[in-house]
Amino acid sequence: MHPASFFPISIDQSRVMYVNPKNPTALLAASAAIQSLRMGKEIHGYIMRTGLDSDEVVWSALPDMYGKCGSIEEARRISDKMVNGDVAKP
């Protein structure tokens, strides 16, 4: 796989990790597991920029990540959008 196809995730101010974006739900789960809201938000932004936000599996992983990272209000906002059928528009 070409290096340009990897997604950069900032670890801290001086280090960046490049990951394969083929499975953003795994990236969201990893963010939740280490409770990194910053990384989760970066992945969420990537999902939005690349049009993956219309995938219901990806979309359903977002509230889980936000909730496990302590951002309950954002988790609720996204869950409410899912209930209203507004999956493609966060």
PDB file of N, CA and C in Angstrom:
ATOM      1  N   MET A   1       0.851  -1.173   0.000  1.00  0.00           N
ATOM      2  CA  MET A   1       0.000   0.000   0.000  1.00  0.00           C
ATOM      3  C   MET A   1       0.897   1.236   0.000  1.00  0.00           C
ATOM      4  N   HIS A   2       0.536   2.198  -0.796  1.00  0.00           N
ATOM      5  CA  HIS A   2       1.319   3.434  -0.906  1.00  0.00           C
ATOM      6  C   HIS A   2       1.245   4.227   0.398  1.00  0.00           C
ATOM      7  N   PRO A   3       2.392   4.757   0.874  1.00  0.00           N
ATOM      8  CA  PRO A   3       2.394   5.501   2.146  1.00  0.00           C
ATOM      9  C   PRO A   3       1.422   6.673   2.188  1.00  0.00           C
ATOM     10  N   ALA A   4       1.140   7.285   1.037  1.00  0.00           N
ATOM     11  CA  ALA A   4       0.220   8.431   1.021  1.00  0.00           C
ATOM     12  C   ALA A   4      -1.208   8.020   1.344  1.00  0.00           C
ATOM     13  N   SER A   5      -1.498   6.720   1.271  1.00  0.00           N
ATOM     14  CA  SER A   5      -2.860   6.270   1.555  1.00  0.00           C
ATOM     15  C   SER A   5      -3.086   6.014   3.042  1.00  0.00           C
ATOM     16  N   PHE A   6      -2.084   6.265   3.859  1.00  0.00           N
ATOM     17  CA  PHE A   6      -2.227   6.100   5.297  1.00  0.00           C
ATOM     18  C   PHE A   6      -2.651   7.411   5.937  1.00  0.00           C
ATOM     19  N   PHE A   7      -3.417   7.334   6.990  1.00  0.00           N
ATOM     20  CA  PHE A   7      -3.972   8.498   7.684  1.00  0.00           C
ATOM     21  C   PHE A   7      -3.073   8.868   8.857  1.00  0.00           C
ATOM     22  N   PRO A   8      -2.624  10.128   8.917  1.00  0.00           N
ATOM     23  CA  PRO A   8      -1.770  10.519  10.047  1.00  0.00           C
ATOM     24  C   PRO A   8      -2.591  10.830  11.296  1.00  0.00           C
ATOM     25  N   ILE A   9      -2.170  10.293  12.419  1.00  0.00           N
ATOM     26  CA  ILE A   9      -2.794  10.591  13.706  1.00  0.00           C
ATOM     27  C   ILE A   9      -1.712  11.138  14.616  1.00  0.00           C
ATOM     28  N   SER A  10      -1.941  12.318  15.151  1.00  0.00           N
ATOM     29  CA  SER A  10      -0.963  12.919  16.054  1.00  0.00           C
ATOM     30  C   SER A  10      -0.966  12.179  17.382  1.00  0.00           C
ATOM     31  N   ILE A  11       0.215  11.757  17.807  1.00  0.00           N
ATOM     32  CA  ILE A  11       0.349  11.123  19.116  1.00  0.00           C
ATOM     33  C   ILE A  11       0.640  12.195  20.156  1.00  0.00           C
ATOM     34  N   ASP A  12       1.523  13.081  19.833  1.00  0.00           N
ATOM     35  CA  ASP A  12       1.811  14.250  20.661  1.00  0.00           C
ATOM     36  C   ASP A  12       2.392  15.308  19.731  1.00  0.00           C
ATOM     37  N   GLN A  13       2.945  16.369  20.267  1.00  0.00           N
ATOM     38  CA  GLN A  13       3.411  17.474  19.425  1.00  0.00           C
ATOM     39  C   GLN A  13       4.562  17.091  18.509  1.00  0.00           C
ATOM     40  N   SER A  14       5.317  16.070  18.859  1.00  0.00           N
ATOM     41  CA  SER A  14       6.490  15.733  18.058  1.00  0.00           C
ATOM     42  C   SER A  14       6.387  14.399  17.316  1.00  0.00           C
ATOM     43  N   ARG A  15       5.337  13.632  17.570  1.00  0.00           N
ATOM     44  CA  ARG A  15       5.224  12.321  16.930  1.00  0.00           C
ATOM     45  C   ARG A  15       3.876  12.154  16.239  1.00  0.00           C
ATOM     46  N   VAL A  16       3.927  11.538  15.073  1.00  0.00           N
ATOM     47  CA  VAL A  16       2.720  11.240  14.306  1.00  0.00           C
ATOM     48  C   VAL A  16       2.755   9.760  13.948  1.00  0.00           C
ATOM     49  N   MET A  17       1.620   9.097  14.074  1.00  0.00           N
ATOM     50  CA  MET A  17       1.497   7.694  13.705  1.00  0.00           C
ATOM     51  C   MET A  17       0.651   7.640  12.433  1.00  0.00           C
ATOM     52  N   TYR A  18       1.071   6.856  11.455  1.00  0.00           N
ATOM     53  CA  TYR A  18       0.309   6.695  10.220  1.00  0.00           C
ATOM     54  C   TYR A  18      -0.385   5.342  10.249  1.00  0.00           C
ATOM     55  N   VAL A  19      -1.684   5.368  10.025  1.00  0.00           N
ATOM     56  CA  VAL A  19      -2.470   4.135  10.087  1.00  0.00           C
ATOM     57  C   VAL A  19      -3.251   3.943   8.798  1.00  0.00           C
ATOM     58  N   ASN A  20      -3.575   2.709   8.504  1.00  0.00           N
ATOM     59  CA  ASN A  20      -4.362   2.372   7.332  1.00  0.00           C
ATOM     60  C   ASN A  20      -5.828   2.703   7.615  1.00  0.00           C
ATOM     61  N   PRO A  21      -6.433   3.581   6.817  1.00  0.00           N
ATOM     62  CA  PRO A  21      -7.806   4.019   7.102  1.00  0.00           C
ATOM     63  C   PRO A  21      -8.891   3.099   6.568  1.00  0.00           C
ATOM     64  N   LYS A  22      -8.550   1.902   6.097  1.00  0.00           N
ATOM     65  CA  LYS A  22      -9.569   1.032   5.507  1.00  0.00           C
ATOM     66  C   LYS A  22     -10.652   0.625   6.488  1.00  0.00           C
ATOM     67  N   ASN A  23     -10.343   0.621   7.761  1.00  0.00           N
ATOM     68  CA  ASN A  23     -11.331   0.233   8.758  1.00  0.00           C
ATOM     69  C   ASN A  23     -11.419   1.302   9.852  1.00  0.00           C
ATOM     70  N   PRO A  24     -12.151   2.391   9.583  1.00  0.00           N
ATOM     71  CA  PRO A  24     -12.220   3.463  10.584  1.00  0.00           C
ATOM     72  C   PRO A  24     -12.899   3.035  11.880  1.00  0.00           C
ATOM     73  N   THR A  25     -13.736   1.996  11.844  1.00  0.00           N
ATOM     74  CA  THR A  25     -14.351   1.549  13.095  1.00  0.00           C
ATOM     75  C   THR A  25     -13.298   0.979  14.040  1.00  0.00           C
ATOM     76  N   ALA A  26     -12.287   0.317  13.497  1.00  0.00           N
ATOM     77  CA  ALA A  26     -11.196  -0.192  14.339  1.00  0.00           C
ATOM     78  C   ALA A  26     -10.404   0.961  14.940  1.00  0.00           C
ATOM     79  N   LEU A  27     -10.220   2.019  14.160  1.00  0.00           N
ATOM     80  CA  LEU A  27      -9.508   3.196  14.668  1.00  0.00           C
ATOM     81  C   LEU A  27     -10.314   3.872  15.775  1.00  0.00           C
ATOM     82  N   LEU A  28     -11.631   3.956  15.593  1.00  0.00           N
ATOM     83  CA  LEU A  28     -12.476   4.543  16.636  1.00  0.00           C
ATOM     84  C   LEU A  28     -12.447   3.687  17.898  1.00  0.00           C
ATOM     85  N   ALA A  29     -12.461   2.372  17.726  1.00  0.00           N
ATOM     86  CA  ALA A  29     -12.391   1.472  18.886  1.00  0.00           C
ATOM     87  C   ALA A  29     -11.059   1.629  19.615  1.00  0.00           C
ATOM     88  N   ALA A  30      -9.985   1.809  18.856  1.00  0.00           N
ATOM     89  CA  ALA A  30      -8.675   2.011  19.479  1.00  0.00           C
ATOM     90  C   ALA A  30      -8.646   3.321  20.256  1.00  0.00           C
ATOM     91  N   SER A  31      -9.233   4.361  19.688  1.00  0.00           N
ATOM     92  CA  SER A  31      -9.310   5.655  20.384  1.00  0.00           C
ATOM     93  C   SER A  31     -10.077   5.514  21.685  1.00  0.00           C
ATOM     94  N   ALA A  32     -11.190   4.785  21.623  1.00  0.00           N
ATOM     95  CA  ALA A  32     -12.007   4.578  22.821  1.00  0.00           C
ATOM     96  C   ALA A  32     -11.247   3.771  23.862  1.00  0.00           C
ATOM     97  N   ALA A  33     -10.514   2.764  23.413  1.00  0.00           N
ATOM     98  CA  ALA A  33      -9.794   1.896  24.346  1.00  0.00           C
ATOM     99  C   ALA A  33      -8.738   2.652  25.142  1.00  0.00           C
ATOM    100  N   ILE A  34      -8.100   3.623  24.496  1.00  0.00           N
ATOM    101  CA  ILE A  34      -7.082   4.405  25.212  1.00  0.00           C
ATOM    102  C   ILE A  34      -7.634   5.745  25.689  1.00  0.00           C
ATOM    103  N   GLN A  35      -8.938   5.915  25.511  1.00  0.00           N
ATOM    104  CA  GLN A  35      -9.651   7.129  25.926  1.00  0.00           C
ATOM    105  C   GLN A  35      -8.989   8.398  25.393  1.00  0.00           C
ATOM    106  N   SER A  36      -8.674   8.370  24.082  1.00  0.00           N
ATOM    107  CA  SER A  36      -8.054   9.522  23.433  1.00  0.00           C
ATOM    108  C   SER A  36      -9.103  10.262  22.610  1.00  0.00           C
ATOM    109  N   LEU A  37      -9.734  11.249  23.237  1.00  0.00           N
ATOM    110  CA  LEU A  37     -10.742  12.042  22.546  1.00  0.00           C
ATOM    111  C   LEU A  37     -10.120  12.781  21.366  1.00  0.00           C
ATOM    112  N   ARG A  38      -8.915  13.264  21.535  1.00  0.00           N
ATOM    113  CA  ARG A  38      -8.240  13.988  20.453  1.00  0.00           C
ATOM    114  C   ARG A  38      -8.090  13.097  19.218  1.00  0.00           C
ATOM    115  N   MET A  39      -7.600  11.876  19.402  1.00  0.00           N
ATOM    116  CA  MET A  39      -7.442  10.961  18.280  1.00  0.00           C
ATOM    117  C   MET A  39      -8.807  10.620  17.685  1.00  0.00           C
ATOM    118  N   GLY A  40      -9.794  10.383  18.520  1.00  0.00           N
ATOM    119  CA  GLY A  40     -11.132  10.080  18.028  1.00  0.00           C
ATOM    120  C   GLY A  40     -11.711  11.201  17.189  1.00  0.00           C
ATOM    121  N   LYS A  41     -11.479  12.439  17.615  1.00  0.00           N
ATOM    122  CA  LYS A  41     -11.960  13.585  16.831  1.00  0.00           C
ATOM    123  C   LYS A  41     -11.231  13.684  15.499  1.00  0.00           C
ATOM    124  N   GLU A  42      -9.941  13.372  15.480  1.00  0.00           N
ATOM    125  CA  GLU A  42      -9.196  13.378  14.219  1.00  0.00           C
ATOM    126  C   GLU A  42      -9.759  12.330  13.267  1.00  0.00           C
ATOM    127  N   ILE A  43     -10.058  11.163  13.784  1.00  0.00           N
ATOM    128  CA  ILE A  43     -10.622  10.097  12.958  1.00  0.00           C
ATOM    129  C   ILE A  43     -12.020  10.478  12.488  1.00  0.00           C
ATOM    130  N   HIS A  44     -12.817  11.083  13.358  1.00  0.00           N
ATOM    131  CA  HIS A  44     -14.154  11.549  12.985  1.00  0.00           C
ATOM    132  C   HIS A  44     -14.050  12.559  11.841  1.00  0.00           C
ATOM    133  N   GLY A  45     -13.116  13.484  11.940  1.00  0.00           N
ATOM    134  CA  GLY A  45     -12.908  14.458  10.865  1.00  0.00           C
ATOM    135  C   GLY A  45     -12.532  13.784   9.558  1.00  0.00           C
ATOM    136  N   TYR A  46     -11.668  12.797   9.636  1.00  0.00           N
ATOM    137  CA  TYR A  46     -11.269  12.044   8.447  1.00  0.00           C
ATOM    138  C   TYR A  46     -12.485  11.349   7.831  1.00  0.00           C
ATOM    139  N   ILE A  47     -13.308  10.752   8.673  1.00  0.00           N
ATOM    140  CA  ILE A  47     -14.515  10.072   8.203  1.00  0.00           C
ATOM    141  C   ILE A  47     -15.407  11.052   7.447  1.00  0.00           C
ATOM    142  N   MET A  48     -15.556  12.247   7.981  1.00  0.00           N
ATOM    143  CA  MET A  48     -16.395  13.260   7.338  1.00  0.00           C
ATOM    144  C   MET A  48     -15.795  13.716   6.006  1.00  0.00           C
ATOM    145  N   ARG A  49     -14.487  13.952   5.988  1.00  0.00           N
ATOM    146  CA  ARG A  49     -13.827  14.442   4.769  1.00  0.00           C
ATOM    147  C   ARG A  49     -13.855  13.420   3.640  1.00  0.00           C
ATOM    148  N   THR A  50     -13.857  12.151   3.968  1.00  0.00           N
ATOM    149  CA  THR A  50     -13.777  11.108   2.948  1.00  0.00           C
ATOM    150  C   THR A  50     -15.130  10.504   2.583  1.00  0.00           C
ATOM    151  N   GLY A  51     -16.198  10.991   3.177  1.00  0.00           N
ATOM    152  CA  GLY A  51     -17.527  10.508   2.839  1.00  0.00           C
ATOM    153  C   GLY A  51     -17.917   9.193   3.492  1.00  0.00           C
ATOM    154  N   LEU A  52     -17.137   8.741   4.451  1.00  0.00           N
ATOM    155  CA  LEU A  52     -17.465   7.493   5.139  1.00  0.00           C
ATOM    156  C   LEU A  52     -18.586   7.663   6.157  1.00  0.00           C
ATOM    157  N   ASP A  53     -19.053   8.893   6.328  1.00  0.00           N
ATOM    158  CA  ASP A  53     -20.101   9.164   7.312  1.00  0.00           C
ATOM    159  C   ASP A  53     -21.456   8.595   6.911  1.00  0.00           C
ATOM    160  N   SER A  54     -21.592   8.154   5.667  1.00  0.00           N
ATOM    161  CA  SER A  54     -22.868   7.557   5.259  1.00  0.00           C
ATOM    162  C   SER A  54     -22.923   6.059   5.568  1.00  0.00           C
ATOM    163  N   ASP A  55     -21.826   5.488   6.034  1.00  0.00           N
ATOM    164  CA  ASP A  55     -21.775   4.077   6.405  1.00  0.00           C
ATOM    165  C   ASP A  55     -22.336   3.918   7.822  1.00  0.00           C
ATOM    166  N   GLU A  56     -23.417   3.174   7.954  1.00  0.00           N
ATOM    167  CA  GLU A  56     -24.082   3.046   9.256  1.00  0.00           C
ATOM    168  C   GLU A  56     -23.223   2.344  10.302  1.00  0.00           C
ATOM    169  N   VAL A  57     -22.375   1.423   9.880  1.00  0.00           N
ATOM    170  CA  VAL A  57     -21.496   0.738  10.833  1.00  0.00           C
ATOM    171  C   VAL A  57     -20.487   1.730  11.403  1.00  0.00           C
ATOM    172  N   VAL A  58     -19.909   2.540  10.521  1.00  0.00           N
ATOM    173  CA  VAL A  58     -18.968   3.577  10.964  1.00  0.00           C
ATOM    174  C   VAL A  58     -19.701   4.569  11.854  1.00  0.00           C
ATOM    175  N   TRP A  59     -20.871   4.985  11.412  1.00  0.00           N
ATOM    176  CA  TRP A  59     -21.641   5.985  12.158  1.00  0.00           C
ATOM    177  C   TRP A  59     -21.999   5.494  13.555  1.00  0.00           C
ATOM    178  N   SER A  60     -22.326   4.213  13.682  1.00  0.00           N
ATOM    179  CA  SER A  60     -22.713   3.694  14.998  1.00  0.00           C
ATOM    180  C   SER A  60     -21.519   3.558  15.943  1.00  0.00           C
ATOM    181  N   ALA A  61     -20.305   3.532  15.409  1.00  0.00           N
ATOM    182  CA  ALA A  61     -19.109   3.456  16.262  1.00  0.00           C
ATOM    183  C   ALA A  61     -18.767   4.816  16.877  1.00  0.00           C
ATOM    184  N   LEU A  62     -19.259   5.889  16.284  1.00  0.00           N
ATOM    185  CA  LEU A  62     -18.928   7.234  16.782  1.00  0.00           C
ATOM    186  C   LEU A  62     -19.453   7.508  18.190  1.00  0.00           C
ATOM    187  N   PRO A  63     -20.742   7.272  18.492  1.00  0.00           N
ATOM    188  CA  PRO A  63     -21.204   7.546  19.858  1.00  0.00           C
ATOM    189  C   PRO A  63     -20.485   6.701  20.899  1.00  0.00           C
ATOM    190  N   ASP A  64     -20.145   5.469  20.529  1.00  0.00           N
ATOM    191  CA  ASP A  64     -19.413   4.603  21.451  1.00  0.00           C
ATOM    192  C   ASP A  64     -18.056   5.218  21.789  1.00  0.00           C
ATOM    193  N   MET A  65     -17.349   5.679  20.768  1.00  0.00           N
ATOM    194  CA  MET A  65     -16.039   6.286  20.985  1.00  0.00           C
ATOM    195  C   MET A  65     -16.161   7.535  21.846  1.00  0.00           C
ATOM    196  N   TYR A  66     -17.098   8.421  21.492  1.00  0.00           N
ATOM    197  CA  TYR A  66     -17.249   9.656  22.263  1.00  0.00           C
ATOM    198  C   TYR A  66     -17.632   9.365  23.715  1.00  0.00           C
ATOM    199  N   GLY A  67     -18.534   8.424  23.910  1.00  0.00           N
ATOM    200  CA  GLY A  67     -18.948   8.082  25.269  1.00  0.00           C
ATOM    201  C   GLY A  67     -17.806   7.524  26.102  1.00  0.00           C
ATOM    202  N   LYS A  68     -17.038   6.619  25.532  1.00  0.00           N
ATOM    203  CA  LYS A  68     -15.917   6.021  26.268  1.00  0.00           C
ATOM    204  C   LYS A  68     -14.788   7.016  26.522  1.00  0.00           C
ATOM    205  N   CYS A  69     -14.747   8.075  25.697  1.00  0.00           N
ATOM    206  CA  CYS A  69     -13.725   9.117  25.898  1.00  0.00           C
ATOM    207  C   CYS A  69     -14.233  10.227  26.816  1.00  0.00           C
ATOM    208  N   GLY A  70     -15.462  10.075  27.332  1.00  0.00           N
ATOM    209  CA  GLY A  70     -15.987  11.031  28.301  1.00  0.00           C
ATOM    210  C   GLY A  70     -16.779  12.184  27.732  1.00  0.00           C
ATOM    211  N   SER A  71     -17.013  12.181  26.419  1.00  0.00           N
ATOM    212  CA  SER A  71     -17.771  13.262  25.794  1.00  0.00           C
ATOM    213  C   SER A  71     -19.214  12.791  25.578  1.00  0.00           C
ATOM    214  N   ILE A  72     -19.941  12.691  26.684  1.00  0.00           N
ATOM    215  CA  ILE A  72     -21.296  12.139  26.668  1.00  0.00           C
ATOM    216  C   ILE A  72     -22.243  12.986  25.816  1.00  0.00           C
ATOM    217  N   GLU A  73     -22.107  14.295  25.874  1.00  0.00           N
ATOM    218  CA  GLU A  73     -22.993  15.169  25.095  1.00  0.00           C
ATOM    219  C   GLU A  73     -22.824  14.943  23.597  1.00  0.00           C
ATOM    220  N   GLU A  74     -21.588  14.786  23.134  1.00  0.00           N
ATOM    221  CA  GLU A  74     -21.352  14.536  21.710  1.00  0.00           C
ATOM    222  C   GLU A  74     -21.865  13.152  21.325  1.00  0.00           C
ATOM    223  N   ALA A  75     -21.685  12.177  22.191  1.00  0.00           N
ATOM    224  CA  ALA A  75     -22.213  10.832  21.931  1.00  0.00           C
ATOM    225  C   ALA A  75     -23.733  10.889  21.779  1.00  0.00           C
ATOM    226  N   ARG A  76     -24.378  11.641  22.646  1.00  0.00           N
ATOM    227  CA  ARG A  76     -25.839  11.775  22.599  1.00  0.00           C
ATOM    228  C   ARG A  76     -26.295  12.501  21.340  1.00  0.00           C
ATOM    229  N   ARG A  77     -25.554  13.553  20.955  1.00  0.00           N
ATOM    230  CA  ARG A  77     -25.902  14.322  19.749  1.00  0.00           C
ATOM    231  C   ARG A  77     -25.859  13.420  18.517  1.00  0.00           C
ATOM    232  N   ILE A  78     -24.821  12.620  18.406  1.00  0.00           N
ATOM    233  CA  ILE A  78     -24.687  11.731  17.252  1.00  0.00           C
ATOM    234  C   ILE A  78     -25.752  10.635  17.298  1.00  0.00           C
ATOM    235  N   SER A  79     -26.013  10.083  18.462  1.00  0.00           N
ATOM    236  CA  SER A  79     -27.062   9.063  18.605  1.00  0.00           C
ATOM    237  C   SER A  79     -28.422   9.614  18.205  1.00  0.00           C
ATOM    238  N   ASP A  80     -28.702  10.846  18.601  1.00  0.00           N
ATOM    239  CA  ASP A  80     -29.968  11.477  18.234  1.00  0.00           C
ATOM    240  C   ASP A  80     -30.083  11.634  16.724  1.00  0.00           C
ATOM    241  N   LYS A  81     -28.994  11.959  16.061  1.00  0.00           N
ATOM    242  CA  LYS A  81     -29.009  12.088  14.601  1.00  0.00           C
ATOM    243  C   LYS A  81     -29.310  10.735  13.961  1.00  0.00           C
ATOM    244  N   MET A  82     -28.772   9.663  14.537  1.00  0.00           N
ATOM    245  CA  MET A  82     -29.033   8.319  14.010  1.00  0.00           C
ATOM    246  C   MET A  82     -30.510   7.977  14.138  1.00  0.00           C
ATOM    247  N   VAL A  83     -31.102   8.288  15.274  1.00  0.00           N
ATOM    248  CA  VAL A  83     -32.515   7.996  15.524  1.00  0.00           C
ATOM    249  C   VAL A  83     -33.400   8.768  14.555  1.00  0.00           C
ATOM    250  N   ASN A  84     -32.985   9.987  14.223  1.00  0.00           N
ATOM    251  CA  ASN A  84     -33.759  10.826  13.314  1.00  0.00           C
ATOM    252  C   ASN A  84     -33.515  10.486  11.848  1.00  0.00           C
ATOM    253  N   GLY A  85     -32.662   9.494  11.576  1.00  0.00           N
ATOM    254  CA  GLY A  85     -32.390   9.101  10.194  1.00  0.00           C
ATOM    255  C   GLY A  85     -31.464  10.048   9.469  1.00  0.00           C
ATOM    256  N   ASP A  86     -30.731  10.845  10.200  1.00  0.00           N
ATOM    257  CA  ASP A  86     -29.856  11.852   9.608  1.00  0.00           C
ATOM    258  C   ASP A  86     -28.407  11.361   9.647  1.00  0.00           C
ATOM    259  N   VAL A  87     -28.177  10.137   9.184  1.00  0.00           N
ATOM    260  CA  VAL A  87     -26.871   9.495   9.315  1.00  0.00           C
ATOM    261  C   VAL A  87     -25.778  10.232   8.574  1.00  0.00           C
ATOM    262  N   ALA A  88     -26.052  10.758   7.403  1.00  0.00           N
ATOM    263  CA  ALA A  88     -24.999  11.373   6.591  1.00  0.00           C
ATOM    264  C   ALA A  88     -24.661  12.789   7.005  1.00  0.00           C
ATOM    265  N   LYS A  89     -25.374  13.357   7.962  1.00  0.00           N
ATOM    266  CA  LYS A  89     -25.132  14.744   8.362  1.00  0.00           C
ATOM    267  C   LYS A  89     -24.945  14.841   9.866  1.00  0.00           C
ATOM    268  N   PRO A  90     -23.690  14.786  10.333  1.00  0.00           N
ATOM    269  CA  PRO A  90     -23.487  14.809  11.796  1.00  0.00           C
ATOM    270  C   PRO A  90     -23.834  16.090  12.424  1.00  0.00           C
TER     271      PRO A  90
END
